[in-house]
Structures are given as structure tokens and as C-alpha cells.
Protein backbone atom coordinates (compact mmCIF):
# COMPACT_ATOMS: atom_id res chain seq x y z
CA MET A 1 27.18 36.92 0.84
CA LYS A 2 25.92 36.57 4.40
CA THR A 3 26.08 33.18 6.10
CA LEU A 4 24.33 31.93 9.22
CA LYS A 5 27.54 32.50 11.15
CA THR A 6 27.88 36.15 10.09
CA SER A 7 24.19 37.10 10.16
CA LEU A 8 23.23 35.58 13.52
CA PRO A 9 24.45 36.40 17.03
CA LEU A 10 26.65 33.87 18.79
CA LEU A 11 24.71 30.79 19.92
CA ASN A 12 26.10 31.04 23.47
CA ALA A 13 24.78 34.58 23.82
CA MET A 14 21.32 33.56 22.55
CA VAL A 15 21.15 30.58 24.94
CA VAL A 16 22.11 32.78 27.91
CA PHE A 17 19.62 35.49 26.93
CA GLU A 18 16.80 32.93 26.55
CA ALA A 19 17.53 31.56 30.04
CA ALA A 20 17.45 35.10 31.49
CA ALA A 21 14.20 35.89 29.70
CA ARG A 22 12.53 32.64 30.78
CA ASN A 23 13.69 32.91 34.41
CA GLY A 24 12.92 36.61 34.70
CA GLY A 25 16.38 37.72 35.74
CA LEU A 26 20.14 37.44 35.37
CA THR A 27 20.78 35.71 38.70
CA PRO A 28 18.43 32.73 38.15
CA ALA A 29 19.82 32.36 34.62
CA ALA A 30 23.33 32.19 36.03
CA GLU A 31 22.23 29.51 38.51
CA GLU A 32 20.55 27.42 35.79
CA LEU A 33 23.54 27.61 33.46
CA ASN A 34 26.07 27.29 36.29
CA ILE A 35 28.01 30.40 35.27
CA ALA A 36 28.74 33.73 36.98
CA GLN A 37 26.12 36.47 36.92
CA SER A 38 28.69 38.80 35.38
CA ALA A 39 28.99 36.37 32.44
CA VAL A 40 25.22 36.47 31.91
CA SER A 41 25.28 40.27 32.00
CA ARG A 42 28.15 40.35 29.51
CA HIS A 43 26.41 38.02 27.05
CA VAL A 44 23.20 40.07 27.19
CA ALA A 45 25.10 43.35 26.75
CA ASN A 46 26.99 41.94 23.75
CA LEU A 47 23.72 40.78 22.21
CA GLU A 48 22.13 44.20 22.69
CA ARG A 49 25.15 45.91 21.18
CA GLN A 50 25.19 43.60 18.14
CA LEU A 51 21.45 44.07 17.50
CA SER A 52 21.39 47.75 18.48
CA VAL A 53 18.25 47.23 20.56
CA ALA A 54 17.49 47.07 24.26
CA LEU A 55 16.37 43.59 25.28
CA PHE A 56 15.74 44.36 28.94
CA THR A 57 14.78 47.42 30.89
CA ARG A 58 16.45 47.68 34.29
CA LYS A 59 14.32 48.55 37.30
CA GLY A 60 16.57 48.51 40.31
CA ASN A 61 17.78 44.92 40.76
CA ARG A 62 15.14 43.58 38.37
CA VAL A 63 15.13 43.27 34.59
CA VAL A 64 12.01 43.28 32.43
CA LEU A 65 11.84 42.21 28.79
CA THR A 66 11.27 44.92 26.24
CA GLU A 67 9.00 44.26 23.27
CA ALA A 68 12.08 43.50 21.15
CA GLY A 69 13.44 41.22 23.88
CA ASP A 70 10.16 39.32 24.09
CA THR A 71 10.12 38.82 20.30
CA LEU A 72 13.73 37.55 20.27
CA ALA A 73 13.24 35.26 23.27
CA GLU A 74 10.24 33.58 21.63
CA ALA A 75 12.12 33.13 18.33
CA ILE A 76 15.14 31.60 20.09
CA ARG A 77 12.89 29.28 22.10
CA ASP A 78 11.13 28.07 18.95
CA GLY A 79 14.38 27.62 17.06
CA LEU A 80 16.16 25.71 19.82
CA GLY A 81 13.05 23.59 20.35
CA THR A 82 13.04 22.60 16.69
CA ILE A 83 16.70 21.61 16.92
CA ARG A 84 16.10 19.63 20.12
CA HIS A 85 13.19 17.70 18.60
CA ALA A 86 15.24 16.87 15.49
CA VAL A 87 18.09 15.54 17.64
CA GLU A 88 15.64 13.44 19.67
CA ARG A 89 14.15 11.92 16.51
CA LEU A 90 17.58 11.12 15.07
CA SER A 91 18.75 9.43 18.25
CA ALA A 92 15.46 7.67 19.01
CA PRO A 93 16.34 4.19 17.56
CA ASP A 94 19.28 3.85 19.94
CA ARG A 95 17.75 5.80 22.84
CA ASP A 96 14.08 4.83 22.96
CA THR A 97 12.08 1.83 21.78
CA PHE A 98 13.99 -0.61 19.57
CA VAL A 99 11.60 -1.92 16.90
CA VAL A 100 12.19 -5.33 15.29
CA GLY A 101 10.16 -6.44 12.27
CA CYS A 102 9.49 -10.13 11.53
CA SER A 103 6.74 -12.35 10.19
CA TYR A 104 4.62 -13.89 12.95
CA ASP A 105 5.54 -17.53 12.25
CA LEU A 106 9.28 -16.89 12.06
CA ALA A 107 9.12 -14.71 15.17
CA GLN A 108 7.49 -17.49 17.18
CA MET A 109 9.60 -20.35 15.87
CA TRP A 110 13.06 -18.79 15.49
CA LEU A 111 13.29 -15.32 16.99
CA MET A 112 11.59 -15.76 20.36
CA PRO A 113 14.01 -18.43 21.68
CA ARG A 114 16.79 -15.85 21.23
CA PHE A 115 14.82 -12.66 21.94
CA ASP A 116 17.02 -11.97 24.96
CA LEU A 117 19.89 -11.30 22.53
CA ILE A 118 17.97 -8.12 21.71
CA THR A 119 16.47 -7.10 25.05
CA SER A 120 19.73 -7.60 26.96
CA ARG A 121 21.44 -5.04 24.71
CA ILE A 122 18.75 -2.34 24.94
CA PRO A 123 18.52 -0.09 28.03
CA ASN A 124 15.51 -1.07 30.18
CA GLY A 125 14.58 -3.69 27.56
CA GLN A 126 12.61 -1.12 25.54
CA VAL A 127 11.98 -3.42 22.56
CA MET A 128 8.88 -3.76 20.38
CA LEU A 129 8.33 -6.75 18.09
CA LEU A 130 6.38 -5.75 14.97
CA THR A 131 4.89 -8.76 13.16
CA SER A 132 3.37 -8.50 9.71
CA VAL A 133 2.93 -10.45 6.48
CA ASP A 134 3.53 -7.25 4.52
CA TYR A 135 7.25 -6.39 4.40
CA ARG A 136 6.38 -2.79 3.55
CA ASP A 137 5.45 -2.36 7.22
CA PHE A 138 9.13 -2.95 8.04
CA ASP A 139 10.21 -0.01 5.86
CA LYS A 140 8.89 2.47 8.42
CA PRO A 141 11.63 4.76 9.81
CA ASP A 142 11.20 3.55 13.39
CA VAL A 143 12.02 -0.10 12.48
CA ALA A 144 15.68 -0.60 13.40
CA LEU A 145 16.05 -4.20 12.19
CA SER A 146 13.93 -6.72 10.32
CA ILE A 147 14.05 -10.33 9.12
CA ARG A 148 12.71 -11.08 5.64
CA PHE A 149 12.63 -13.87 3.06
CA GLY A 150 13.96 -13.06 -0.39
CA VAL A 151 17.16 -12.01 -2.15
CA PRO A 152 19.26 -8.87 -1.41
CA GLU A 153 18.13 -7.28 -4.66
CA ASP A 154 14.63 -7.07 -3.19
CA TRP A 155 15.81 -4.40 -0.71
CA PRO A 156 18.18 -1.99 -2.54
CA GLY A 157 17.99 0.68 0.16
CA LEU A 158 18.96 -1.61 3.05
CA VAL A 159 21.92 -3.70 4.16
CA ALA A 160 21.00 -7.41 3.86
CA LYS A 161 22.98 -10.21 5.52
CA LYS A 162 21.94 -13.83 5.11
CA LEU A 163 20.65 -15.35 8.32
CA PHE A 164 20.10 -18.87 6.98
CA ASP A 165 19.22 -20.62 3.72
CA GLY A 166 15.71 -21.22 2.50
CA GLU A 167 16.24 -24.93 3.22
CA TRP A 168 13.36 -27.34 3.69
CA PHE A 169 12.88 -31.05 4.38
CA PRO A 170 10.19 -33.45 5.70
CA VAL A 171 9.61 -33.87 9.45
CA CYS A 172 7.18 -35.64 11.73
CA SER A 173 6.78 -36.48 15.40
CA PRO A 174 8.60 -39.50 16.87
CA ALA A 175 5.21 -41.18 17.48
CA PHE A 176 4.18 -40.65 13.85
CA LEU A 177 7.44 -42.19 12.62
CA ALA A 178 6.87 -45.19 14.90
CA ARG A 179 3.48 -45.74 13.19
CA HIS A 180 4.98 -45.27 9.71
CA PRO A 181 8.53 -46.71 9.89
CA SER A 182 8.74 -46.87 6.07
CA LEU A 183 9.41 -43.11 6.08
CA ALA A 184 12.91 -43.81 7.36
CA SER A 185 13.79 -45.26 3.92
CA GLU A 186 14.11 -41.73 2.47
CA ASP A 187 12.12 -42.82 -0.59
CA PRO A 188 9.98 -39.80 -1.63
CA GLN A 189 7.28 -42.15 -2.89
CA GLY A 190 6.81 -43.41 0.66
CA PHE A 191 5.03 -40.18 1.56
CA LEU A 192 2.18 -41.04 -0.82
CA ASP A 193 0.84 -43.56 1.69
CA VAL A 194 0.84 -41.47 4.88
CA PRO A 195 -1.22 -38.47 6.12
CA LEU A 196 0.32 -35.22 4.91
CA LEU A 197 -0.01 -31.66 6.17
CA HIS A 198 0.25 -28.86 3.61
CA MET A 199 0.88 -25.14 3.48
CA THR A 200 -1.39 -23.31 1.05
CA THR A 201 1.20 -23.02 -1.70
CA ARG A 202 0.25 -23.30 -5.35
CA PRO A 203 0.25 -26.83 -6.84
CA GLY A 204 3.74 -27.82 -7.89
CA ALA A 205 5.43 -25.00 -5.92
CA VAL A 206 9.07 -25.70 -5.10
CA ASP A 207 8.25 -26.14 -1.39
CA SER A 208 5.13 -28.29 -1.89
CA TRP A 209 4.64 -32.01 -1.29
CA GLN A 210 3.99 -32.48 -5.02
CA SER A 211 7.45 -31.11 -5.73
CA TRP A 212 9.13 -33.17 -3.02
CA ILE A 213 7.52 -36.45 -4.02
CA GLY A 214 7.73 -35.77 -7.74
CA THR A 215 4.06 -36.18 -8.59
CA GLU A 216 1.42 -34.05 -10.27
CA ARG A 217 -1.53 -35.76 -8.61
CA ASN A 218 -3.67 -33.90 -6.09
CA LEU A 219 -2.63 -34.91 -2.57
CA ASP A 220 -5.08 -35.18 0.32
CA GLY A 221 -4.62 -33.64 3.74
CA PRO A 222 -5.44 -30.39 5.57
CA ARG A 223 -4.10 -27.07 4.28
CA PHE A 224 -2.80 -24.25 6.49
CA THR A 225 -2.17 -20.56 5.89
CA SER A 226 -0.23 -20.46 9.17
CA TYR A 227 3.06 -22.32 9.36
CA LEU A 228 2.85 -22.34 13.15
CA SER A 229 -0.55 -24.07 13.09
CA MET A 230 0.78 -26.72 10.73
CA MET A 231 3.72 -27.39 13.05
CA HIS A 232 1.37 -27.79 16.02
CA GLU A 233 -0.45 -30.54 14.12
CA THR A 234 2.86 -32.12 13.13
CA ILE A 235 4.11 -32.21 16.73
CA ALA A 236 0.76 -33.71 17.75
CA GLY A 237 1.51 -36.64 15.43
CA ARG A 238 -1.29 -36.07 12.92
CA GLY A 239 0.84 -35.99 9.77
CA ALA A 240 4.19 -35.31 8.12
CA ALA A 241 5.06 -31.79 6.99
CA LEU A 242 7.68 -29.97 4.98
CA ALA A 243 9.61 -27.72 7.34
CA TRP A 244 11.89 -24.74 6.84
CA ALA A 245 15.18 -25.38 8.64
CA GLY A 246 15.13 -22.24 10.78
CA PHE A 247 11.52 -22.75 11.81
CA VAL A 248 11.97 -26.19 13.37
CA GLU A 249 15.42 -25.77 14.91
CA GLU A 250 14.06 -25.66 18.47
CA HIS A 251 11.63 -28.57 17.95
CA LEU A 252 14.38 -30.77 16.51
CA ARG A 253 16.67 -29.93 19.41
CA LEU A 254 13.98 -30.77 21.97
CA GLY A 255 13.08 -34.04 20.21
CA GLN A 256 9.51 -32.95 19.47
CA LEU A 257 10.14 -33.50 15.77
CA VAL A 258 12.46 -35.75 13.80
CA ARG A 259 13.96 -35.11 10.41
CA LEU A 260 12.98 -37.82 7.91
CA THR A 261 15.65 -37.42 5.25
CA GLY A 262 19.33 -36.54 5.16
CA THR A 263 18.73 -34.57 1.98
CA SER A 264 17.04 -31.21 1.72
CA ARG A 265 15.95 -28.76 -0.97
CA LEU A 266 17.03 -25.15 -1.26
CA HIS A 267 14.80 -22.29 -2.30
CA ARG A 268 16.37 -19.58 -4.47
CA SER A 269 15.54 -17.12 -1.70
CA SER A 270 16.95 -17.05 1.83
CA PHE A 271 16.14 -15.50 5.18
CA HIS A 272 18.00 -12.22 5.61
CA LEU A 273 18.58 -9.80 8.44
CA LEU A 274 18.12 -6.21 7.26
CA THR A 275 19.38 -2.95 8.76
CA ARG A 276 19.68 0.60 7.49
CA LYS A 277 22.88 1.72 5.80
CA LYS A 278 23.73 4.08 8.65
CA ALA A 279 22.70 1.80 11.51
CA GLY A 280 24.02 2.82 14.92
CA PRO A 281 26.30 0.69 17.11
CA ALA A 282 23.41 -0.80 19.12
CA VAL A 283 21.68 -2.00 15.93
CA GLN A 284 24.92 -3.44 14.54
CA ALA A 285 25.71 -5.27 17.79
CA ILE A 286 22.25 -6.87 17.93
CA ALA A 287 22.38 -7.81 14.25
CA GLN A 288 25.75 -9.52 14.76
CA ALA A 289 24.49 -11.40 17.82
CA LEU A 290 21.55 -12.77 15.83
CA LEU A 291 23.81 -13.69 12.91
CA ASP A 292 26.18 -15.51 15.26
CA SER A 293 23.28 -17.41 16.82
CA ALA A 294 22.26 -18.70 13.39
CA GLU A 295 25.64 -20.32 12.75
CA GLY A 296 24.66 -23.45 14.70
CA LEU A 297 21.51 -23.96 12.63
CA SER A 298 23.12 -26.31 10.10
CA ALA A 299 24.38 -28.64 12.83
CA ILE A 300 20.94 -28.93 14.43
CA SER A 301 19.10 -29.40 11.14
CA GLY A 302 21.54 -32.11 10.13
CA HIS A 303 24.12 -30.39 7.87
């Protein structure tokens, strides 16, 4: 049974012949490949002997491709080009643009303060942040790393490492707390008498004000589909909100928000950092840097 090794000429000979055919002579091929002209001549002669065809016709000091030589040169060029393109695609995540997937709100409130952990590790800072509410967008082959909310079983084809818990608790601005000092008592019922800001979760959802307070009554206050917009209103002092720990880390550190209770609730899901099973060293180094940066989250959020 013939194999590629036994049925094809030596790769070195084909590379040398292609250079001679493209450059129109043995001498320029030798200069391009940085080898002796006699070596080019030997490779071409060996190739002609193995194939039993003339690849060049000699006219004095010049060589001209025969019809067979032209056919072989084109085939080699196409074949090597296909190999080169495949290698470029395989190495692209570490060599070209590094794509990071994240939801918009989490990107703005957690990832951007530490975005330099990514750009500083990528040559020329060639990084693209892909934001989407649809995690399927992060399954694209050019996405090297993504941050998602869920459980590892949600992503069986990827490596998932927990970034931080799905932990949430009430927050407000210092000025809002000064106007409503009763909130410092940590009594959930105290939130019934102050302006509240809500995400558009279903009534009674685990991360809703109804769940936190322990009431089934309909609570007044504006609703937001954007977590970032709700936090802007909270910082402006127009209500109390339920905050995810990782989302308000920077605002708590800067004193723009204060945590109202020492207790918190945990969602069954967590925020995870996802990479492919055969992630390269650059991806692994960036993933570890982000994981290390999340270790201080519990201290800032009060745990």
C-alpha cells in the first residue's frame, strides 16, 4: 500500500523546484533559499529522475519550464499555500487578534478595570472585546476566552473555572443612606419604605426585591433591563438596588456605593471564565491573571 511518503517526492526537493520555477532560474532560487546553486541543481535533477520527466529545458545559462514542470510547479504552490493558510488559522488566537467574550454590563463593571491584564500580555495589544447577551456568540472559533454566568455543566465542550460566586446584596449611595438611616438596621422590612430600583426579573425571582424582603406584594420603583443603567441611578442616590458582588467591586472600593447588610444571598449559578480545552499558553496566562485578580473580591464586598 502506497503512503504519502512513498508516493510523493521529497518535500525539500519540491520546495526548491517551486522556488526555481517561480524565480525563473536556479541562481535566484539559491539566493532566496540561501543554499548553493549546485544544491538547487541537484534537487531538481533528483526530482526529474524520480518522476521520469523533464521539468526544465536548458537554453545556455537559462532554464525554462516545460509543460510538465509548469503543471507540477502550480500544484506544489497550491498545496503549500493550503498548508500555510491552515497553519496561520491554527496559530491565529495566539498570533493575531485576541478575542474576549463578555456581557456588556459585566465588561463595563468588572472587566474594564483590569483590561490591561489582557492587553499587556498580547503583542501590540491586539485585543477585541466582544459583548453580547447571547452566549452562543462566544462559541465562535475565534473567541479565545469568555466570561459567562451559569454552571460548568452548561458548557460541556469548554474548560470552566469559577471567577466569583453569584452573590448579591443591597447597596445604595452614601447620600441615600444618610436620608434613610433605618437601612443600616439590616431589617429586610426596612426596604419597604424607601425608593427601590429593580432589574426586570420575574416576580419572586431569587435575585428580586420581593425575594430579599420576603414579600409577595408588588413593589413600586423603576425597572431596568440594563444593570449598568440601574447602577448609575443608584450612585446618583435615587434608590437602593440589589447588586451582584463582582459588578459593584469598583464602586464599593471608591466609596460611590455602600453595602447595606453584612449578609448576602447566593445564586445557584456563578460567574465562570471559559477557555477551550487545548488553549495555548497566552490564553492560559491571561485566564490565570484574571482568576488571580478575582481573589480579592470577597474582601472588598465584605466577606
